[in-house]
Amino acid sequence: MEATLVDEIKKTVDGIVQAQGLDLVFDKSFLPKANKAILYTSANVKDLTADVIAALNAGAPATTSTN
């Protein structure tokens, strides 16, 4: 199940990247303390998280809250 989810996420990210004409995408969880480096960052760097989540949830049934 995890492999299927990861594959779906990668395909969704690829689609968004191609649609927006982006060249570089990195996982923002790449922290220096995890021995990984962020190559570039600035105020102009796009965060695609909301776009990816919206695309992944597009086919999900609507939920309701009962408070």
PDB file of N, CA and C in Angstrom:
ATOM      1  N   MET A   1       0.825  -1.191   0.000  1.00  0.00           N
ATOM      2  CA  MET A   1       0.000   0.000   0.000  1.00  0.00           C
ATOM      3  C   MET A   1       0.873   1.260   0.000  1.00  0.00           C
ATOM      4  N   GLU A   2       1.949   1.244   0.791  1.00  0.00           N
ATOM      5  CA  GLU A   2       2.818   2.417   0.863  1.00  0.00           C
ATOM      6  C   GLU A   2       3.444   2.710  -0.494  1.00  0.00           C
ATOM      7  N   ALA A   3       3.890   1.662  -1.208  1.00  0.00           N
ATOM      8  CA  ALA A   3       4.501   1.857  -2.521  1.00  0.00           C
ATOM      9  C   ALA A   3       3.503   2.477  -3.494  1.00  0.00           C
ATOM     10  N   THR A   4       2.237   2.057  -3.421  1.00  0.00           N
ATOM     11  CA  THR A   4       1.201   2.606  -4.292  1.00  0.00           C
ATOM     12  C   THR A   4       0.975   4.079  -3.984  1.00  0.00           C
ATOM     13  N   LEU A   5       0.915   4.428  -2.704  1.00  0.00           N
ATOM     14  CA  LEU A   5       0.713   5.818  -2.294  1.00  0.00           C
ATOM     15  C   LEU A   5       1.881   6.689  -2.741  1.00  0.00           C
ATOM     16  N   VAL A   6       3.100   6.218  -2.529  1.00  0.00           N
ATOM     17  CA  VAL A   6       4.285   6.986  -2.926  1.00  0.00           C
ATOM     18  C   VAL A   6       4.292   7.177  -4.439  1.00  0.00           C
ATOM     19  N   ASP A   7       3.934   6.138  -5.189  1.00  0.00           N
ATOM     20  CA  ASP A   7       3.875   6.244  -6.647  1.00  0.00           C
ATOM     21  C   ASP A   7       2.829   7.272  -7.074  1.00  0.00           C
ATOM     22  N   GLU A   8       1.668   7.267  -6.422  1.00  0.00           N
ATOM     23  CA  GLU A   8       0.615   8.229  -6.744  1.00  0.00           C
ATOM     24  C   GLU A   8       1.067   9.658  -6.444  1.00  0.00           C
ATOM     25  N   ILE A   9       1.756   9.841  -5.337  1.00  0.00           N
ATOM     26  CA  ILE A   9       2.263  11.168  -4.975  1.00  0.00           C
ATOM     27  C   ILE A   9       3.286  11.632  -6.009  1.00  0.00           C
ATOM     28  N   LYS A  10       4.215  10.746  -6.390  1.00  0.00           N
ATOM     29  CA  LYS A  10       5.234  11.114  -7.379  1.00  0.00           C
ATOM     30  C   LYS A  10       4.590  11.502  -8.706  1.00  0.00           C
ATOM     31  N   LYS A  11       3.596  10.750  -9.160  1.00  0.00           N
ATOM     32  CA  LYS A  11       2.920  11.064 -10.416  1.00  0.00           C
ATOM     33  C   LYS A  11       2.194  12.405 -10.323  1.00  0.00           C
ATOM     34  N   THR A  12       1.580  12.675  -9.183  1.00  0.00           N
ATOM     35  CA  THR A  12       0.879  13.944  -8.984  1.00  0.00           C
ATOM     36  C   THR A  12       1.860  15.112  -9.004  1.00  0.00           C
ATOM     37  N   VAL A  13       2.970  14.961  -8.305  1.00  0.00           N
ATOM     38  CA  VAL A  13       3.995  16.008  -8.290  1.00  0.00           C
ATOM     39  C   VAL A  13       4.534  16.223  -9.705  1.00  0.00           C
ATOM     40  N   ASP A  14       4.818  15.141 -10.413  1.00  0.00           N
ATOM     41  CA  ASP A  14       5.311  15.264 -11.792  1.00  0.00           C
ATOM     42  C   ASP A  14       4.341  16.050 -12.666  1.00  0.00           C
ATOM     43  N   GLY A  15       3.047  15.778 -12.532  1.00  0.00           N
ATOM     44  CA  GLY A  15       2.048  16.492 -13.319  1.00  0.00           C
ATOM     45  C   GLY A  15       2.024  17.976 -13.018  1.00  0.00           C
ATOM     46  N   ILE A  16       2.090  18.317 -11.745  1.00  0.00           N
ATOM     47  CA  ILE A  16       2.086  19.734 -11.336  1.00  0.00           C
ATOM     48  C   ILE A  16       3.363  20.427 -11.817  1.00  0.00           C
ATOM     49  N   VAL A  17       4.489  19.751 -11.677  1.00  0.00           N
ATOM     50  CA  VAL A  17       5.775  20.313 -12.098  1.00  0.00           C
ATOM     51  C   VAL A  17       5.769  20.587 -13.601  1.00  0.00           C
ATOM     52  N   GLN A  18       5.280  19.629 -14.381  1.00  0.00           N
ATOM     53  CA  GLN A  18       5.230  19.825 -15.830  1.00  0.00           C
ATOM     54  C   GLN A  18       4.267  20.955 -16.196  1.00  0.00           C
ATOM     55  N   ALA A  19       3.115  21.005 -15.546  1.00  0.00           N
ATOM     56  CA  ALA A  19       2.124  22.042 -15.846  1.00  0.00           C
ATOM     57  C   ALA A  19       2.653  23.442 -15.526  1.00  0.00           C
ATOM     58  N   GLN A  20       3.483  23.548 -14.487  1.00  0.00           N
ATOM     59  CA  GLN A  20       4.003  24.853 -14.081  1.00  0.00           C
ATOM     60  C   GLN A  20       5.383  25.149 -14.669  1.00  0.00           C
ATOM     61  N   GLY A  21       5.934  24.197 -15.425  1.00  0.00           N
ATOM     62  CA  GLY A  21       7.233  24.414 -16.067  1.00  0.00           C
ATOM     63  C   GLY A  21       8.383  24.545 -15.087  1.00  0.00           C
ATOM     64  N   LEU A  22       8.345  23.786 -14.014  1.00  0.00           N
ATOM     65  CA  LEU A  22       9.400  23.865 -13.007  1.00  0.00           C
ATOM     66  C   LEU A  22      10.542  22.920 -13.345  1.00  0.00           C
ATOM     67  N   ASP A  23      11.747  23.263 -12.892  1.00  0.00           N
ATOM     68  CA  ASP A  23      12.928  22.453 -13.160  1.00  0.00           C
ATOM     69  C   ASP A  23      13.443  21.706 -11.937  1.00  0.00           C
ATOM     70  N   LEU A  24      13.163  22.206 -10.758  1.00  0.00           N
ATOM     71  CA  LEU A  24      13.719  21.620  -9.537  1.00  0.00           C
ATOM     72  C   LEU A  24      12.639  21.534  -8.476  1.00  0.00           C
ATOM     73  N   VAL A  25      12.498  20.363  -7.899  1.00  0.00           N
ATOM     74  CA  VAL A  25      11.568  20.162  -6.793  1.00  0.00           C
ATOM     75  C   VAL A  25      12.330  19.441  -5.703  1.00  0.00           C
ATOM     76  N   PHE A  26      12.193  19.904  -4.467  1.00  0.00           N
ATOM     77  CA  PHE A  26      12.836  19.205  -3.371  1.00  0.00           C
ATOM     78  C   PHE A  26      11.860  19.045  -2.233  1.00  0.00           C
ATOM     79  N   ASP A  27      12.108  18.048  -1.439  1.00  0.00           N
ATOM     80  CA  ASP A  27      11.296  17.759  -0.266  1.00  0.00           C
ATOM     81  C   ASP A  27      11.713  18.732   0.828  1.00  0.00           C
ATOM     82  N   LYS A  28      10.769  19.565   1.290  1.00  0.00           N
ATOM     83  CA  LYS A  28      11.144  20.584   2.275  1.00  0.00           C
ATOM     84  C   LYS A  28      11.499  19.996   3.630  1.00  0.00           C
ATOM     85  N   SER A  29      11.331  18.688   3.799  1.00  0.00           N
ATOM     86  CA  SER A  29      11.744  18.063   5.053  1.00  0.00           C
ATOM     87  C   SER A  29      13.237  17.761   5.043  1.00  0.00           C
ATOM     88  N   PHE A  30      13.926  18.056   3.928  1.00  0.00           N
ATOM     89  CA  PHE A  30      15.376  17.859   3.868  1.00  0.00           C
ATOM     90  C   PHE A  30      16.034  18.904   4.759  1.00  0.00           C
ATOM     91  N   LEU A  31      16.294  18.553   5.958  1.00  0.00           N
ATOM     92  CA  LEU A  31      16.870  19.481   6.920  1.00  0.00           C
ATOM     93  C   LEU A  31      18.363  19.232   7.070  1.00  0.00           C
ATOM     94  N   PRO A  32      19.148  20.274   7.308  1.00  0.00           N
ATOM     95  CA  PRO A  32      20.584  20.077   7.510  1.00  0.00           C
ATOM     96  C   PRO A  32      20.896  19.072   8.621  1.00  0.00           C
ATOM     97  N   LYS A  33      20.079  19.034   9.667  1.00  0.00           N
ATOM     98  CA  LYS A  33      20.352  18.097  10.757  1.00  0.00           C
ATOM     99  C   LYS A  33      20.145  16.644  10.327  1.00  0.00           C
ATOM    100  N   ALA A  34      19.479  16.437   9.193  1.00  0.00           N
ATOM    101  CA  ALA A  34      19.275  15.090   8.670  1.00  0.00           C
ATOM    102  C   ALA A  34      20.347  14.762   7.625  1.00  0.00           C
ATOM    103  N   ASN A  35      21.412  15.546   7.602  1.00  0.00           N
ATOM    104  CA  ASN A  35      22.516  15.374   6.649  1.00  0.00           C
ATOM    105  C   ASN A  35      22.057  15.503   5.205  1.00  0.00           C
ATOM    106  N   LYS A  36      21.086  16.347   4.973  1.00  0.00           N
ATOM    107  CA  LYS A  36      20.617  16.631   3.624  1.00  0.00           C
ATOM    108  C   LYS A  36      20.644  18.138   3.455  1.00  0.00           C
ATOM    109  N   ALA A  37      20.826  18.577   2.243  1.00  0.00           N
ATOM    110  CA  ALA A  37      20.977  20.011   2.014  1.00  0.00           C
ATOM    111  C   ALA A  37      19.883  20.548   1.113  1.00  0.00           C
ATOM    112  N   ILE A  38      19.426  21.750   1.412  1.00  0.00           N
ATOM    113  CA  ILE A  38      18.538  22.477   0.517  1.00  0.00           C
ATOM    114  C   ILE A  38      19.453  23.263  -0.417  1.00  0.00           C
ATOM    115  N   LEU A  39      19.274  23.047  -1.718  1.00  0.00           N
ATOM    116  CA  LEU A  39      20.175  23.665  -2.678  1.00  0.00           C
ATOM    117  C   LEU A  39      19.935  25.153  -2.847  1.00  0.00           C
ATOM    118  N   TYR A  40      18.663  25.567  -2.769  1.00  0.00           N
ATOM    119  CA  TYR A  40      18.333  26.959  -3.033  1.00  0.00           C
ATOM    120  C   TYR A  40      17.019  27.282  -2.340  1.00  0.00           C
ATOM    121  N   THR A  41      16.962  28.430  -1.762  1.00  0.00           N
ATOM    122  CA  THR A  41      15.694  28.875  -1.201  1.00  0.00           C
ATOM    123  C   THR A  41      15.645  30.398  -1.211  1.00  0.00           C
ATOM    124  N   SER A  42      14.463  30.934  -1.374  1.00  0.00           N
ATOM    125  CA  SER A  42      14.249  32.378  -1.327  1.00  0.00           C
ATOM    126  C   SER A  42      12.761  32.619  -1.156  1.00  0.00           C
ATOM    127  N   ALA A  43      12.379  33.858  -1.068  1.00  0.00           N
ATOM    128  CA  ALA A  43      10.954  34.192  -0.933  1.00  0.00           C
ATOM    129  C   ALA A  43      10.179  33.800  -2.187  1.00  0.00           C
ATOM    130  N   ASN A  44      10.868  33.588  -3.301  1.00  0.00           N
ATOM    131  CA  ASN A  44      10.219  33.250  -4.563  1.00  0.00           C
ATOM    132  C   ASN A  44      10.050  31.748  -4.788  1.00  0.00           C
ATOM    133  N   VAL A  45      10.517  30.918  -3.869  1.00  0.00           N
ATOM    134  CA  VAL A  45      10.401  29.469  -4.025  1.00  0.00           C
ATOM    135  C   VAL A  45       8.961  29.056  -3.753  1.00  0.00           C
ATOM    136  N   LYS A  46       8.375  28.305  -4.693  1.00  0.00           N
ATOM    137  CA  LYS A  46       6.990  27.860  -4.557  1.00  0.00           C
ATOM    138  C   LYS A  46       6.902  26.651  -3.632  1.00  0.00           C
ATOM    139  N   ASP A  47       5.888  26.627  -2.809  1.00  0.00           N
ATOM    140  CA  ASP A  47       5.571  25.448  -1.997  1.00  0.00           C
ATOM    141  C   ASP A  47       4.397  24.761  -2.681  1.00  0.00           C
ATOM    142  N   LEU A  48       4.623  23.584  -3.229  1.00  0.00           N
ATOM    143  CA  LEU A  48       3.598  22.860  -3.979  1.00  0.00           C
ATOM    144  C   LEU A  48       2.723  21.972  -3.098  1.00  0.00           C
ATOM    145  N   THR A  49       2.945  21.983  -1.807  1.00  0.00           N
ATOM    146  CA  THR A  49       2.242  21.073  -0.902  1.00  0.00           C
ATOM    147  C   THR A  49       0.730  21.153  -1.065  1.00  0.00           C
ATOM    148  N   ALA A  50       0.164  22.346  -1.026  1.00  0.00           N
ATOM    149  CA  ALA A  50      -1.292  22.496  -1.126  1.00  0.00           C
ATOM    150  C   ALA A  50      -1.805  22.004  -2.472  1.00  0.00           C
ATOM    151  N   ASP A  51      -1.050  22.275  -3.550  1.00  0.00           N
ATOM    152  CA  ASP A  51      -1.453  21.814  -4.884  1.00  0.00           C
ATOM    153  C   ASP A  51      -1.465  20.287  -4.963  1.00  0.00           C
ATOM    154  N   VAL A  52      -0.436  19.655  -4.396  1.00  0.00           N
ATOM    155  CA  VAL A  52      -0.337  18.196  -4.422  1.00  0.00           C
ATOM    156  C   VAL A  52      -1.464  17.578  -3.599  1.00  0.00           C
ATOM    157  N   ILE A  53      -1.711  18.103  -2.414  1.00  0.00           N
ATOM    158  CA  ILE A  53      -2.779  17.574  -1.565  1.00  0.00           C
ATOM    159  C   ILE A  53      -4.133  17.736  -2.241  1.00  0.00           C
ATOM    160  N   ALA A  54      -4.382  18.888  -2.840  1.00  0.00           N
ATOM    161  CA  ALA A  54      -5.662  19.113  -3.523  1.00  0.00           C
ATOM    162  C   ALA A  54      -5.841  18.134  -4.678  1.00  0.00           C
ATOM    163  N   ALA A  55      -4.777  17.910  -5.449  1.00  0.00           N
ATOM    164  CA  ALA A  55      -4.863  16.980  -6.573  1.00  0.00           C
ATOM    165  C   ALA A  55      -5.096  15.554  -6.092  1.00  0.00           C
ATOM    166  N   LEU A  56      -4.409  15.161  -5.026  1.00  0.00           N
ATOM    167  CA  LEU A  56      -4.572  13.805  -4.491  1.00  0.00           C
ATOM    168  C   LEU A  56      -5.969  13.599  -3.910  1.00  0.00           C
ATOM    169  N   ASN A  57      -6.549  14.647  -3.343  1.00  0.00           N
ATOM    170  CA  ASN A  57      -7.874  14.539  -2.722  1.00  0.00           C
ATOM    171  C   ASN A  57      -9.015  14.851  -3.674  1.00  0.00           C
ATOM    172  N   ALA A  58      -8.713  15.199  -4.905  1.00  0.00           N
ATOM    173  CA  ALA A  58      -9.752  15.612  -5.851  1.00  0.00           C
ATOM    174  C   ALA A  58     -10.834  14.538  -6.045  1.00  0.00           C
ATOM    175  N   GLY A  59     -10.446  13.277  -6.034  1.00  0.00           N
ATOM    176  CA  GLY A  59     -11.411  12.205  -6.248  1.00  0.00           C
ATOM    177  C   GLY A  59     -11.962  11.612  -4.977  1.00  0.00           C
ATOM    178  N   ALA A  60     -11.553  12.141  -3.847  1.00  0.00           N
ATOM    179  CA  ALA A  60     -12.005  11.611  -2.564  1.00  0.00           C
ATOM    180  C   ALA A  60     -13.432  12.061  -2.263  1.00  0.00           C
ATOM    181  N   PRO A  61     -14.199  11.218  -1.602  1.00  0.00           N
ATOM    182  CA  PRO A  61     -15.559  11.634  -1.247  1.00  0.00           C
ATOM    183  C   PRO A  61     -15.526  12.796  -0.248  1.00  0.00           C
ATOM    184  N   ALA A  62     -16.516  13.644  -0.330  1.00  0.00           N
ATOM    185  CA  ALA A  62     -16.628  14.772   0.601  1.00  0.00           C
ATOM    186  C   ALA A  62     -16.910  14.246   1.993  1.00  0.00           C
ATOM    187  N   THR A  63     -16.378  14.926   2.969  1.00  0.00           N
ATOM    188  CA  THR A  63     -16.637  14.544   4.362  1.00  0.00           C
ATOM    189  C   THR A  63     -17.451  15.626   5.037  1.00  0.00           C
ATOM    190  N   THR A  64     -18.156  15.252   6.067  1.00  0.00           N
ATOM    191  CA  THR A  64     -18.920  16.234   6.838  1.00  0.00           C
ATOM    192  C   THR A  64     -18.484  16.156   8.278  1.00  0.00           C
ATOM    193  N   SER A  65     -18.620  17.249   8.951  1.00  0.00           N
ATOM    194  CA  SER A  65     -18.257  17.326  10.367  1.00  0.00           C
ATOM    195  C   SER A  65     -19.519  17.476  11.192  1.00  0.00           C
ATOM    196  N   THR A  66     -19.609  16.701  12.240  1.00  0.00           N
ATOM    197  CA  THR A  66     -20.761  16.809  13.138  1.00  0.00           C
ATOM    198  C   THR A  66     -20.284  17.295  14.486  1.00  0.00           C
ATOM    199  N   ASN A  67     -20.474  18.580  14.731  1.00  0.00           N
ATOM    200  CA  ASN A  67     -20.056  19.168  16.019  1.00  0.00           C
ATOM    201  C   ASN A  67     -21.242  19.572  16.821  1.00  0.00           C
TER     202      ASN A  67
END
